[in-house]
Amino acid sequence: MGIYSITVSLFVLTGRPCANNRTTEFRRFVQETEKELFALFKSIDHNHDNKLTKDELQAAFRTSLHLQVCRHLQDGATSHLSG
């Protein structure tokens, strides 16, 4: 859902346009989050067909889990050195 859809939805729900400061802040947050999610999507979509396959998702989860384990091990090693 794009920011336009959210703004239109808010207008329909409230009956008035969204122009206050909190709405602008929220709109900026949504736009930045959309950019981050799309970048993540593109990084997982290895064959660039704009679809995530089961294999692409499994590879992304494996990579994520591997990175988490490495960080955990590194944090543990660092705490043993300093403690």
C-alpha atoms as a PDB file:
ATOM      1  CA  MET A   1       0.000   0.000   0.000  1.00  0.00           C
ATOM      2  CA  GLY A   2       1.493   3.317  -1.031  1.00  0.00           C
ATOM      3  CA  ILE A   3       1.383   6.596   0.838  1.00  0.00           C
ATOM      4  CA  TYR A   4      -1.323   7.829  -1.535  1.00  0.00           C
ATOM      5  CA  SER A   5      -3.570   4.924  -0.526  1.00  0.00           C
ATOM      6  CA  ILE A   6      -2.978   5.608   3.161  1.00  0.00           C
ATOM      7  CA  THR A   7      -3.736   9.318   2.739  1.00  0.00           C
ATOM      8  CA  VAL A   8      -6.922   8.585   0.792  1.00  0.00           C
ATOM      9  CA  SER A   9      -7.939   6.013   3.412  1.00  0.00           C
ATOM     10  CA  LEU A  10      -7.389   8.539   6.207  1.00  0.00           C
ATOM     11  CA  PHE A  11      -9.426  11.115   4.298  1.00  0.00           C
ATOM     12  CA  VAL A  12     -12.279   8.632   3.840  1.00  0.00           C
ATOM     13  CA  LEU A  13     -12.195   7.632   7.513  1.00  0.00           C
ATOM     14  CA  THR A  14     -11.978  11.144   8.943  1.00  0.00           C
ATOM     15  CA  GLY A  15     -13.779  13.134   6.248  1.00  0.00           C
ATOM     16  CA  ARG A  16     -11.070  15.762   6.201  1.00  0.00           C
ATOM     17  CA  PRO A  17      -7.698  16.140   4.486  1.00  0.00           C
ATOM     18  CA  CYS A  18      -4.565  15.181   6.378  1.00  0.00           C
ATOM     19  CA  ALA A  19      -2.345  18.218   6.713  1.00  0.00           C
ATOM     20  CA  ASN A  20      -1.311  18.557  10.341  1.00  0.00           C
ATOM     21  CA  ASN A  21       2.233  18.117  11.610  1.00  0.00           C
ATOM     22  CA  ARG A  22       1.698  14.621  13.032  1.00  0.00           C
ATOM     23  CA  THR A  23       0.294  13.447   9.711  1.00  0.00           C
ATOM     24  CA  THR A  24       3.296  14.864   7.873  1.00  0.00           C
ATOM     25  CA  GLU A  25       5.583  13.090  10.310  1.00  0.00           C
ATOM     26  CA  PHE A  26       3.633   9.852   9.858  1.00  0.00           C
ATOM     27  CA  ARG A  27       3.708  10.236   6.070  1.00  0.00           C
ATOM     28  CA  ARG A  28       7.498  10.673   6.176  1.00  0.00           C
ATOM     29  CA  PHE A  29       7.824   7.598   8.422  1.00  0.00           C
ATOM     30  CA  VAL A  30       5.689   5.509   6.041  1.00  0.00           C
ATOM     31  CA  GLN A  31       7.671   6.658   2.996  1.00  0.00           C
ATOM     32  CA  GLU A  32      11.008   5.825   4.640  1.00  0.00           C
ATOM     33  CA  THR A  33       9.717   2.464   5.833  1.00  0.00           C
ATOM     34  CA  GLU A  34       8.429   1.681   2.336  1.00  0.00           C
ATOM     35  CA  LYS A  35      11.865   2.455   0.904  1.00  0.00           C
ATOM     36  CA  GLU A  36      13.567   0.202   3.461  1.00  0.00           C
ATOM     37  CA  LEU A  37      11.130  -2.656   2.879  1.00  0.00           C
ATOM     38  CA  PHE A  38      11.500  -2.380  -0.892  1.00  0.00           C
ATOM     39  CA  ALA A  39      15.303  -2.419  -0.562  1.00  0.00           C
ATOM     40  CA  LEU A  40      15.013  -5.555   1.591  1.00  0.00           C
ATOM     41  CA  PHE A  41      12.657  -7.110  -0.964  1.00  0.00           C
ATOM     42  CA  LYS A  42      15.098  -6.370  -3.803  1.00  0.00           C
ATOM     43  CA  SER A  43      17.979  -7.869  -1.816  1.00  0.00           C
ATOM     44  CA  ILE A  44      16.034 -11.121  -1.357  1.00  0.00           C
ATOM     45  CA  ASP A  45      14.725 -11.276  -4.960  1.00  0.00           C
ATOM     46  CA  HIS A  46      17.880 -12.748  -6.515  1.00  0.00           C
ATOM     47  CA  ASN A  47      16.462 -13.365 -10.003  1.00  0.00           C
ATOM     48  CA  HIS A  48      14.871  -9.862 -10.130  1.00  0.00           C
ATOM     49  CA  ASP A  49      11.424 -11.076 -11.229  1.00  0.00           C
ATOM     50  CA  ASN A  50       9.672  -9.006  -8.517  1.00  0.00           C
ATOM     51  CA  LYS A  51       8.433 -12.207  -6.872  1.00  0.00           C
ATOM     52  CA  LEU A  52       9.853 -13.965  -3.847  1.00  0.00           C
ATOM     53  CA  THR A  53      10.162 -17.690  -4.271  1.00  0.00           C
ATOM     54  CA  LYS A  54      10.306 -20.229  -1.481  1.00  0.00           C
ATOM     55  CA  ASP A  55      14.015 -20.766  -2.212  1.00  0.00           C
ATOM     56  CA  GLU A  56      14.762 -17.027  -2.061  1.00  0.00           C
ATOM     57  CA  LEU A  57      12.976 -16.700   1.272  1.00  0.00           C
ATOM     58  CA  GLN A  58      14.712 -19.767   2.699  1.00  0.00           C
ATOM     59  CA  ALA A  59      18.092 -18.397   1.634  1.00  0.00           C
ATOM     60  CA  ALA A  60      17.279 -15.027   3.235  1.00  0.00           C
ATOM     61  CA  PHE A  61      16.253 -16.689   6.508  1.00  0.00           C
ATOM     62  CA  ARG A  62      19.390 -18.865   6.494  1.00  0.00           C
ATOM     63  CA  THR A  63      21.582 -15.812   5.944  1.00  0.00           C
ATOM     64  CA  SER A  64      19.774 -13.872   8.657  1.00  0.00           C
ATOM     65  CA  LEU A  65      20.055 -16.746  11.127  1.00  0.00           C
ATOM     66  CA  HIS A  66      23.731 -17.221  10.279  1.00  0.00           C
ATOM     67  CA  LEU A  67      24.414 -13.510  10.901  1.00  0.00           C
ATOM     68  CA  GLN A  68      22.541 -13.623  14.218  1.00  0.00           C
ATOM     69  CA  VAL A  69      24.553 -16.646  15.384  1.00  0.00           C
ATOM     70  CA  CYS A  70      27.819 -14.979  14.339  1.00  0.00           C
ATOM     71  CA  ARG A  71      26.894 -11.787  16.227  1.00  0.00           C
ATOM     72  CA  HIS A  72      25.910 -13.804  19.280  1.00  0.00           C
ATOM     73  CA  LEU A  73      29.182 -15.726  19.213  1.00  0.00           C
ATOM     74  CA  GLN A  74      31.154 -12.540  18.671  1.00  0.00           C
ATOM     75  CA  ASP A  75      29.334 -10.796  21.544  1.00  0.00           C
ATOM     76  CA  GLY A  76      30.028 -13.792  23.779  1.00  0.00           C
ATOM     77  CA  ALA A  77      33.712 -13.820  22.855  1.00  0.00           C
ATOM     78  CA  THR A  78      33.977 -10.089  23.474  1.00  0.00           C
ATOM     79  CA  SER A  79      32.290 -10.340  26.882  1.00  0.00           C
ATOM     80  CA  HIS A  80      34.687 -13.127  27.917  1.00  0.00           C
ATOM     81  CA  LEU A  81      37.658 -10.991  26.961  1.00  0.00           C
ATOM     82  CA  SER A  82      36.453  -7.975  28.893  1.00  0.00           C
ATOM     83  CA  GLY A  83      35.182  -9.903  31.908  1.00  0.00           C
END
